[in-house]
Amino acid sequence: MFVSINYSTDVAEQYNQLANQLDALLTGEKNKYANLSNASALLNQFFDRINWVGFYLMDGDDELVLGPFQGLPACIRIPLGKGVCGASAKQKETIIVPDVNAFPGHIVCDAASQSEIVVPLLKDGVLHGVLDIDSPELDRFTEDDQKGLEQFVSILMKHI
């Protein structure tokens, strides 16, 4: 079922291959948690130089709760507007943080994390949660990652 990602191609093509792989993987399955679990595993395999990838899901109107992930145990609940995940959820926008230690109100779940990208999970304008990826390197994530992950989330939300 899986075709390996061709890393000799440009970044946009790598993300296209990843999105196609996700779509094939999730087609026919309607269980949200199964699909989020496989999505986090797929991203964990795709990325190098990361230490955590997973989802925080809306719980009520003002809080995110830990969902499927790959990595060390994580913070369980995050209020909207707090930390990078809460800020991304509240703003309904992707946030790239080159240095988490410089982000006001950053919530430390893993002291090894140095940079982060968070992408909101939106469907028909409704916030369902966020995709969160941490790296032990400063300035790990780029605008290419943002575009590729927003494409990935767009495919994911068709299956949620």
N, C-alpha and C. Protein backbone atom coordinates (compact mmCIF):
# COMPACT_ATOMS: atom_id res chain seq x y z
N MET A 1 0.82 -1.19 0.00
CA MET A 1 0.00 0.00 0.00
C MET A 1 0.86 1.25 0.00
N PHE A 2 1.98 1.23 0.72
CA PHE A 2 2.79 2.43 0.83
C PHE A 2 3.86 2.48 -0.25
N VAL A 3 4.00 3.65 -0.80
CA VAL A 3 5.08 3.93 -1.73
C VAL A 3 6.04 4.83 -0.97
N SER A 4 7.31 4.52 -1.00
CA SER A 4 8.24 5.34 -0.24
C SER A 4 8.35 6.73 -0.87
N ILE A 5 8.61 7.69 -0.01
CA ILE A 5 8.76 9.08 -0.45
C ILE A 5 10.11 9.21 -1.16
N ASN A 6 10.11 9.83 -2.31
CA ASN A 6 11.33 10.06 -3.06
C ASN A 6 11.96 11.36 -2.58
N TYR A 7 12.99 11.24 -1.76
CA TYR A 7 13.61 12.42 -1.16
C TYR A 7 14.55 13.15 -2.12
N SER A 8 14.71 12.64 -3.32
CA SER A 8 15.54 13.35 -4.29
C SER A 8 14.72 14.41 -5.03
N THR A 9 13.39 14.39 -4.85
CA THR A 9 12.54 15.39 -5.46
C THR A 9 12.50 16.63 -4.58
N ASP A 10 11.90 17.70 -5.11
CA ASP A 10 11.82 18.92 -4.30
C ASP A 10 10.82 18.74 -3.16
N VAL A 11 10.85 19.65 -2.22
CA VAL A 11 10.06 19.54 -1.00
C VAL A 11 8.57 19.50 -1.31
N ALA A 12 8.10 20.33 -2.25
CA ALA A 12 6.68 20.35 -2.59
C ALA A 12 6.23 18.99 -3.12
N GLU A 13 7.05 18.36 -3.93
CA GLU A 13 6.71 17.04 -4.46
C GLU A 13 6.72 15.98 -3.35
N GLN A 14 7.65 16.11 -2.41
CA GLN A 14 7.65 15.19 -1.27
C GLN A 14 6.35 15.29 -0.49
N TYR A 15 5.90 16.51 -0.26
CA TYR A 15 4.63 16.70 0.46
C TYR A 15 3.44 16.21 -0.36
N ASN A 16 3.49 16.37 -1.69
CA ASN A 16 2.42 15.81 -2.53
C ASN A 16 2.36 14.29 -2.38
N GLN A 17 3.53 13.66 -2.39
CA GLN A 17 3.58 12.21 -2.22
C GLN A 17 3.05 11.81 -0.84
N LEU A 18 3.41 12.58 0.18
CA LEU A 18 2.93 12.31 1.54
C LEU A 18 1.41 12.44 1.61
N ALA A 19 0.86 13.49 1.02
CA ALA A 19 -0.59 13.70 1.03
C ALA A 19 -1.31 12.57 0.30
N ASN A 20 -0.76 12.14 -0.82
CA ASN A 20 -1.35 11.02 -1.56
C ASN A 20 -1.30 9.74 -0.74
N GLN A 21 -0.21 9.53 -0.05
CA GLN A 21 -0.06 8.35 0.80
C GLN A 21 -1.09 8.39 1.94
N LEU A 22 -1.28 9.55 2.55
CA LEU A 22 -2.27 9.69 3.62
C LEU A 22 -3.66 9.39 3.09
N ASP A 23 -4.00 9.95 1.94
CA ASP A 23 -5.33 9.75 1.36
C ASP A 23 -5.58 8.25 1.11
N ALA A 24 -4.61 7.57 0.55
CA ALA A 24 -4.74 6.14 0.30
C ALA A 24 -4.88 5.35 1.60
N LEU A 25 -4.12 5.74 2.59
CA LEU A 25 -4.14 5.05 3.89
C LEU A 25 -5.49 5.18 4.59
N LEU A 26 -6.11 6.35 4.50
CA LEU A 26 -7.33 6.62 5.25
C LEU A 26 -8.62 6.33 4.48
N THR A 27 -8.52 6.16 3.17
CA THR A 27 -9.72 5.91 2.37
C THR A 27 -10.46 4.67 2.87
N GLY A 28 -11.74 4.87 3.13
CA GLY A 28 -12.59 3.77 3.58
C GLY A 28 -12.72 3.64 5.09
N GLU A 29 -11.87 4.34 5.84
CA GLU A 29 -11.95 4.27 7.31
C GLU A 29 -12.57 5.55 7.82
N LYS A 30 -13.57 5.44 8.67
CA LYS A 30 -14.28 6.61 9.18
C LYS A 30 -13.99 6.90 10.65
N ASN A 31 -13.26 6.01 11.33
CA ASN A 31 -12.99 6.24 12.75
C ASN A 31 -11.94 7.33 12.90
N LYS A 32 -12.32 8.41 13.57
CA LYS A 32 -11.45 9.58 13.73
C LYS A 32 -10.14 9.21 14.42
N TYR A 33 -10.21 8.42 15.48
CA TYR A 33 -9.00 8.12 16.26
C TYR A 33 -8.05 7.20 15.50
N ALA A 34 -8.60 6.26 14.75
CA ALA A 34 -7.76 5.40 13.92
C ALA A 34 -7.04 6.24 12.86
N ASN A 35 -7.77 7.15 12.23
CA ASN A 35 -7.18 7.97 11.18
C ASN A 35 -6.15 8.96 11.74
N LEU A 36 -6.44 9.55 12.89
CA LEU A 36 -5.45 10.45 13.50
C LEU A 36 -4.22 9.68 13.96
N SER A 37 -4.41 8.47 14.45
CA SER A 37 -3.27 7.64 14.87
C SER A 37 -2.37 7.31 13.70
N ASN A 38 -2.97 6.89 12.58
CA ASN A 38 -2.16 6.58 11.41
C ASN A 38 -1.52 7.83 10.82
N ALA A 39 -2.22 8.96 10.88
CA ALA A 39 -1.64 10.21 10.37
C ALA A 39 -0.41 10.61 11.18
N SER A 40 -0.49 10.47 12.51
CA SER A 40 0.67 10.83 13.33
C SER A 40 1.83 9.87 13.08
N ALA A 41 1.54 8.59 12.90
CA ALA A 41 2.60 7.62 12.61
C ALA A 41 3.25 7.92 11.25
N LEU A 42 2.43 8.27 10.27
CA LEU A 42 2.95 8.59 8.94
C LEU A 42 3.86 9.81 9.00
N LEU A 43 3.45 10.84 9.72
CA LEU A 43 4.29 12.03 9.86
C LEU A 43 5.58 11.73 10.61
N ASN A 44 5.49 10.90 11.63
CA ASN A 44 6.68 10.53 12.40
C ASN A 44 7.69 9.81 11.51
N GLN A 45 7.21 9.03 10.59
CA GLN A 45 8.10 8.32 9.65
C GLN A 45 8.67 9.28 8.60
N PHE A 46 7.87 10.25 8.18
CA PHE A 46 8.25 11.19 7.12
C PHE A 46 9.34 12.16 7.58
N PHE A 47 9.18 12.70 8.79
CA PHE A 47 10.08 13.75 9.26
C PHE A 47 11.34 13.19 9.91
N ASP A 48 12.43 13.90 9.71
CA ASP A 48 13.63 13.68 10.50
C ASP A 48 13.78 14.88 11.43
N ARG A 49 14.59 14.74 12.45
CA ARG A 49 14.91 15.84 13.35
C ARG A 49 13.67 16.39 14.07
N ILE A 50 12.76 15.49 14.45
CA ILE A 50 11.64 15.89 15.31
C ILE A 50 11.63 14.99 16.54
N ASN A 51 10.98 15.45 17.60
CA ASN A 51 10.89 14.63 18.80
C ASN A 51 9.45 14.41 19.27
N TRP A 52 8.48 15.01 18.56
CA TRP A 52 7.08 14.79 18.92
C TRP A 52 6.20 15.21 17.76
N VAL A 53 5.19 14.41 17.47
CA VAL A 53 4.19 14.76 16.46
C VAL A 53 2.86 14.18 16.90
N GLY A 54 1.84 15.00 16.85
CA GLY A 54 0.53 14.49 17.24
C GLY A 54 -0.54 15.56 17.19
N PHE A 55 -1.66 15.20 17.80
CA PHE A 55 -2.85 16.02 17.70
C PHE A 55 -3.38 16.40 19.08
N TYR A 56 -3.88 17.60 19.16
CA TYR A 56 -4.70 18.05 20.28
C TYR A 56 -6.08 18.33 19.71
N LEU A 57 -7.11 17.81 20.36
CA LEU A 57 -8.47 17.91 19.85
C LEU A 57 -9.32 18.80 20.74
N MET A 58 -10.27 19.49 20.13
CA MET A 58 -11.16 20.35 20.90
C MET A 58 -11.96 19.52 21.89
N ASP A 59 -12.03 20.04 23.11
CA ASP A 59 -12.83 19.44 24.17
C ASP A 59 -13.67 20.57 24.75
N GLY A 60 -14.91 20.67 24.31
CA GLY A 60 -15.74 21.82 24.66
C GLY A 60 -15.37 22.99 23.77
N ASP A 61 -15.64 24.19 24.26
CA ASP A 61 -15.42 25.39 23.46
C ASP A 61 -14.11 26.10 23.74
N ASP A 62 -13.42 25.71 24.82
CA ASP A 62 -12.28 26.53 25.22
C ASP A 62 -11.05 25.74 25.65
N GLU A 63 -10.96 24.46 25.23
CA GLU A 63 -9.83 23.66 25.66
C GLU A 63 -9.48 22.59 24.63
N LEU A 64 -8.17 22.33 24.51
CA LEU A 64 -7.67 21.23 23.69
C LEU A 64 -7.28 20.09 24.61
N VAL A 65 -7.50 18.86 24.16
CA VAL A 65 -7.11 17.69 24.93
C VAL A 65 -6.22 16.82 24.04
N LEU A 66 -5.26 16.18 24.65
CA LEU A 66 -4.31 15.33 23.93
C LEU A 66 -5.02 14.25 23.14
N GLY A 67 -4.60 14.09 21.89
CA GLY A 67 -5.12 13.04 21.01
C GLY A 67 -3.98 12.12 20.61
N PRO A 68 -4.16 11.35 19.53
CA PRO A 68 -3.12 10.43 19.07
C PRO A 68 -1.81 11.16 18.78
N PHE A 69 -0.69 10.52 19.16
CA PHE A 69 0.62 11.15 18.97
C PHE A 69 1.71 10.09 18.92
N GLN A 70 2.90 10.54 18.53
CA GLN A 70 4.13 9.77 18.55
C GLN A 70 5.16 10.58 19.33
N GLY A 71 5.75 10.01 20.36
CA GLY A 71 6.76 10.71 21.14
C GLY A 71 6.58 10.46 22.62
N LEU A 72 7.28 11.25 23.41
CA LEU A 72 7.21 11.14 24.86
C LEU A 72 5.84 11.56 25.37
N PRO A 73 5.46 11.14 26.58
CA PRO A 73 4.21 11.61 27.16
C PRO A 73 4.14 13.14 27.10
N ALA A 74 2.92 13.65 26.93
CA ALA A 74 2.75 15.08 26.66
C ALA A 74 1.75 15.72 27.61
N CYS A 75 1.69 17.03 27.56
CA CYS A 75 0.67 17.77 28.30
C CYS A 75 -0.70 17.28 27.85
N ILE A 76 -1.62 17.16 28.78
CA ILE A 76 -2.93 16.58 28.45
C ILE A 76 -3.93 17.64 28.02
N ARG A 77 -4.01 18.75 28.72
CA ARG A 77 -5.00 19.78 28.41
C ARG A 77 -4.32 21.13 28.20
N ILE A 78 -4.79 21.85 27.18
CA ILE A 78 -4.25 23.17 26.86
C ILE A 78 -5.43 24.12 26.62
N PRO A 79 -5.54 25.18 27.42
CA PRO A 79 -6.61 26.15 27.19
C PRO A 79 -6.40 26.91 25.88
N LEU A 80 -7.48 27.25 25.19
CA LEU A 80 -7.38 28.06 23.98
C LEU A 80 -6.66 29.36 24.32
N GLY A 81 -5.74 29.75 23.46
CA GLY A 81 -4.98 30.98 23.66
C GLY A 81 -3.70 30.79 24.44
N LYS A 82 -3.48 29.61 25.04
CA LYS A 82 -2.29 29.37 25.84
C LYS A 82 -1.28 28.53 25.06
N GLY A 83 -0.01 28.90 25.15
CA GLY A 83 1.03 28.16 24.44
C GLY A 83 0.86 28.27 22.94
N VAL A 84 1.71 27.56 22.21
CA VAL A 84 1.67 27.62 20.74
C VAL A 84 0.40 26.94 20.23
N CYS A 85 0.07 25.77 20.78
CA CYS A 85 -1.13 25.05 20.33
C CYS A 85 -2.39 25.86 20.58
N GLY A 86 -2.50 26.40 21.78
CA GLY A 86 -3.68 27.19 22.11
C GLY A 86 -3.79 28.46 21.29
N ALA A 87 -2.65 29.09 20.98
CA ALA A 87 -2.64 30.30 20.15
C ALA A 87 -3.06 29.97 18.72
N SER A 88 -2.53 28.88 18.17
CA SER A 88 -2.90 28.47 16.81
C SER A 88 -4.38 28.15 16.74
N ALA A 89 -4.89 27.45 17.74
CA ALA A 89 -6.31 27.09 17.77
C ALA A 89 -7.18 28.35 17.85
N LYS A 90 -6.83 29.25 18.72
CA LYS A 90 -7.63 30.47 18.90
C LYS A 90 -7.62 31.33 17.64
N GLN A 91 -6.45 31.44 17.01
CA GLN A 91 -6.32 32.28 15.81
C GLN A 91 -6.78 31.55 14.54
N LYS A 92 -6.91 30.22 14.64
CA LYS A 92 -7.24 29.38 13.48
C LYS A 92 -6.23 29.61 12.35
N GLU A 93 -4.96 29.69 12.74
CA GLU A 93 -3.86 29.91 11.79
C GLU A 93 -2.66 29.06 12.17
N THR A 94 -1.90 28.68 11.16
CA THR A 94 -0.65 27.96 11.39
C THR A 94 0.35 28.90 12.05
N ILE A 95 1.08 28.36 13.01
CA ILE A 95 2.13 29.12 13.68
C ILE A 95 3.43 28.32 13.61
N ILE A 96 4.48 28.97 13.12
CA ILE A 96 5.84 28.41 13.14
C ILE A 96 6.62 29.17 14.20
N VAL A 97 7.22 28.44 15.13
CA VAL A 97 8.01 29.07 16.19
C VAL A 97 9.45 28.58 16.06
N PRO A 98 10.37 29.45 15.60
CA PRO A 98 11.77 29.05 15.43
C PRO A 98 12.47 28.72 16.75
N ASP A 99 12.05 29.40 17.83
CA ASP A 99 12.65 29.20 19.16
C ASP A 99 11.54 29.25 20.20
N VAL A 100 11.12 28.10 20.69
CA VAL A 100 9.99 28.06 21.63
C VAL A 100 10.29 28.82 22.92
N ASN A 101 11.55 28.93 23.28
CA ASN A 101 11.90 29.65 24.50
C ASN A 101 11.64 31.15 24.38
N ALA A 102 11.51 31.64 23.16
CA ALA A 102 11.22 33.05 22.93
C ALA A 102 9.73 33.30 22.72
N PHE A 103 8.91 32.25 22.73
CA PHE A 103 7.47 32.40 22.52
C PHE A 103 6.80 32.71 23.85
N PRO A 104 6.14 33.86 23.96
CA PRO A 104 5.49 34.21 25.23
C PRO A 104 4.43 33.17 25.63
N GLY A 105 4.56 32.66 26.83
CA GLY A 105 3.58 31.70 27.32
C GLY A 105 3.75 30.28 26.83
N HIS A 106 4.91 29.99 26.24
CA HIS A 106 5.15 28.62 25.76
C HIS A 106 4.96 27.62 26.90
N ILE A 107 4.28 26.53 26.60
CA ILE A 107 4.05 25.47 27.59
C ILE A 107 5.09 24.38 27.34
N VAL A 108 5.92 24.12 28.33
CA VAL A 108 6.98 23.12 28.18
C VAL A 108 6.41 21.74 28.53
N CYS A 109 6.32 20.89 27.50
CA CYS A 109 5.94 19.49 27.73
C CYS A 109 7.19 18.61 27.69
N ASP A 110 8.12 18.94 26.79
CA ASP A 110 9.38 18.22 26.65
C ASP A 110 10.47 19.29 26.58
N ALA A 111 11.35 19.31 27.56
CA ALA A 111 12.40 20.33 27.62
C ALA A 111 13.35 20.26 26.43
N ALA A 112 13.37 19.13 25.71
CA ALA A 112 14.24 19.00 24.54
C ALA A 112 13.71 19.78 23.34
N SER A 113 12.44 20.11 23.32
CA SER A 113 11.86 20.82 22.17
C SER A 113 12.40 22.24 22.09
N GLN A 114 12.84 22.61 20.89
CA GLN A 114 13.40 23.93 20.66
C GLN A 114 12.62 24.74 19.63
N SER A 115 11.96 24.05 18.70
CA SER A 115 11.14 24.74 17.70
C SER A 115 9.87 23.93 17.48
N GLU A 116 8.87 24.58 16.84
CA GLU A 116 7.55 23.95 16.78
C GLU A 116 6.76 24.52 15.60
N ILE A 117 5.90 23.69 15.05
CA ILE A 117 4.91 24.14 14.08
C ILE A 117 3.57 23.56 14.50
N VAL A 118 2.54 24.39 14.44
CA VAL A 118 1.19 23.97 14.81
C VAL A 118 0.24 24.40 13.70
N VAL A 119 -0.56 23.43 13.23
CA VAL A 119 -1.50 23.66 12.13
C VAL A 119 -2.91 23.36 12.64
N PRO A 120 -3.83 24.32 12.50
CA PRO A 120 -5.20 24.06 12.96
C PRO A 120 -5.91 23.04 12.08
N LEU A 121 -6.77 22.23 12.71
CA LEU A 121 -7.60 21.26 12.00
C LEU A 121 -8.97 21.90 11.79
N LEU A 122 -9.18 22.41 10.59
CA LEU A 122 -10.43 23.12 10.28
C LEU A 122 -11.22 22.34 9.24
N LYS A 123 -12.53 22.28 9.45
CA LYS A 123 -13.43 21.67 8.47
C LYS A 123 -14.67 22.55 8.40
N ASP A 124 -14.92 23.11 7.22
CA ASP A 124 -16.04 24.03 7.03
C ASP A 124 -15.99 25.17 8.04
N GLY A 125 -14.78 25.66 8.32
CA GLY A 125 -14.59 26.77 9.23
C GLY A 125 -14.67 26.43 10.71
N VAL A 126 -14.95 25.16 11.02
CA VAL A 126 -15.07 24.73 12.41
C VAL A 126 -13.74 24.13 12.87
N LEU A 127 -13.26 24.57 14.03
CA LEU A 127 -12.01 24.08 14.59
C LEU A 127 -12.23 22.74 15.28
N HIS A 128 -11.47 21.72 14.87
CA HIS A 128 -11.55 20.40 15.48
C HIS A 128 -10.35 20.11 16.38
N GLY A 129 -9.28 20.87 16.22
CA GLY A 129 -8.07 20.67 17.00
C GLY A 129 -6.88 21.23 16.26
N VAL A 130 -5.69 20.72 16.61
CA VAL A 130 -4.46 21.16 15.96
C VAL A 130 -3.52 19.96 15.76
N LEU A 131 -2.70 20.08 14.74
CA LEU A 131 -1.55 19.20 14.53
C LEU A 131 -0.35 19.93 15.11
N ASP A 132 0.42 19.25 15.95
CA ASP A 132 1.57 19.84 16.63
C ASP A 132 2.80 19.00 16.34
N ILE A 133 3.88 19.65 15.89
CA ILE A 133 5.15 18.96 15.65
C ILE A 133 6.25 19.75 16.32
N ASP A 134 7.05 19.06 17.13
CA ASP A 134 8.17 19.67 17.85
C ASP A 134 9.49 19.11 17.35
N SER A 135 10.52 19.93 17.45
CA SER A 135 11.87 19.51 17.08
C SER A 135 12.86 19.91 18.17
N PRO A 136 13.90 19.09 18.35
CA PRO A 136 14.95 19.46 19.29
C PRO A 136 15.95 20.47 18.69
N GLU A 137 15.71 20.88 17.44
CA GLU A 137 16.56 21.87 16.76
C GLU A 137 15.88 23.22 16.72
N LEU A 138 16.64 24.27 16.85
CA LEU A 138 16.12 25.61 16.61
C LEU A 138 15.82 25.77 15.12
N ASP A 139 14.78 26.54 14.81
CA ASP A 139 14.47 26.94 13.44
C ASP A 139 14.33 25.74 12.48
N ARG A 140 13.69 24.67 12.94
CA ARG A 140 13.57 23.43 12.16
C ARG A 140 12.55 23.55 11.02
N PHE A 141 11.49 24.34 11.21
CA PHE A 141 10.36 24.33 10.27
C PHE A 141 10.37 25.55 9.37
N THR A 142 9.95 25.32 8.12
CA THR A 142 10.01 26.36 7.09
C THR A 142 8.62 26.65 6.53
N GLU A 143 8.55 27.66 5.67
CA GLU A 143 7.29 27.95 4.97
C GLU A 143 6.90 26.78 4.08
N ASP A 144 7.87 26.05 3.52
CA ASP A 144 7.57 24.85 2.73
C ASP A 144 6.89 23.80 3.61
N ASP A 145 7.36 23.66 4.85
CA ASP A 145 6.71 22.74 5.79
C ASP A 145 5.28 23.20 6.06
N GLN A 146 5.10 24.49 6.25
CA GLN A 146 3.76 25.02 6.51
C GLN A 146 2.82 24.67 5.36
N LYS A 147 3.23 24.95 4.13
CA LYS A 147 2.39 24.66 2.97
C LYS A 147 2.10 23.17 2.87
N GLY A 148 3.13 22.35 3.04
CA GLY A 148 2.97 20.91 2.94
C GLY A 148 2.08 20.35 4.03
N LEU A 149 2.23 20.84 5.25
CA LEU A 149 1.41 20.35 6.36
C LEU A 149 -0.03 20.85 6.26
N GLU A 150 -0.23 22.04 5.74
CA GLU A 150 -1.59 22.50 5.51
C GLU A 150 -2.28 21.65 4.45
N GLN A 151 -1.53 21.23 3.43
CA GLN A 151 -2.06 20.30 2.43
C GLN A 151 -2.39 18.95 3.08
N PHE A 152 -1.50 18.46 3.92
CA PHE A 152 -1.69 17.20 4.64
C PHE A 152 -2.96 17.25 5.49
N VAL A 153 -3.13 18.33 6.25
CA VAL A 153 -4.29 18.50 7.10
C VAL A 153 -5.58 18.59 6.27
N SER A 154 -5.50 19.24 5.13
CA SER A 154 -6.66 19.32 4.24
C SER A 154 -7.14 17.93 3.82
N ILE A 155 -6.20 17.06 3.47
CA ILE A 155 -6.54 15.67 3.12
C ILE A 155 -7.06 14.95 4.36
N LEU A 156 -6.40 15.12 5.47
CA LEU A 156 -6.82 14.46 6.70
C LEU A 156 -8.25 14.80 7.06
N MET A 157 -8.62 16.06 6.95
CA MET A 157 -9.95 16.49 7.38
C MET A 157 -11.05 15.94 6.48
N LYS A 158 -10.71 15.49 5.28
CA LYS A 158 -11.71 14.81 4.44
C LYS A 158 -12.10 13.46 5.06
N HIS A 159 -11.23 12.93 5.92
CA HIS A 159 -11.42 11.60 6.50
C HIS A 159 -11.80 11.65 7.98
N ILE A 160 -12.08 12.84 8.49
CA ILE A 160 -12.44 12.99 9.90
C ILE A 160 -13.91 13.40 10.00
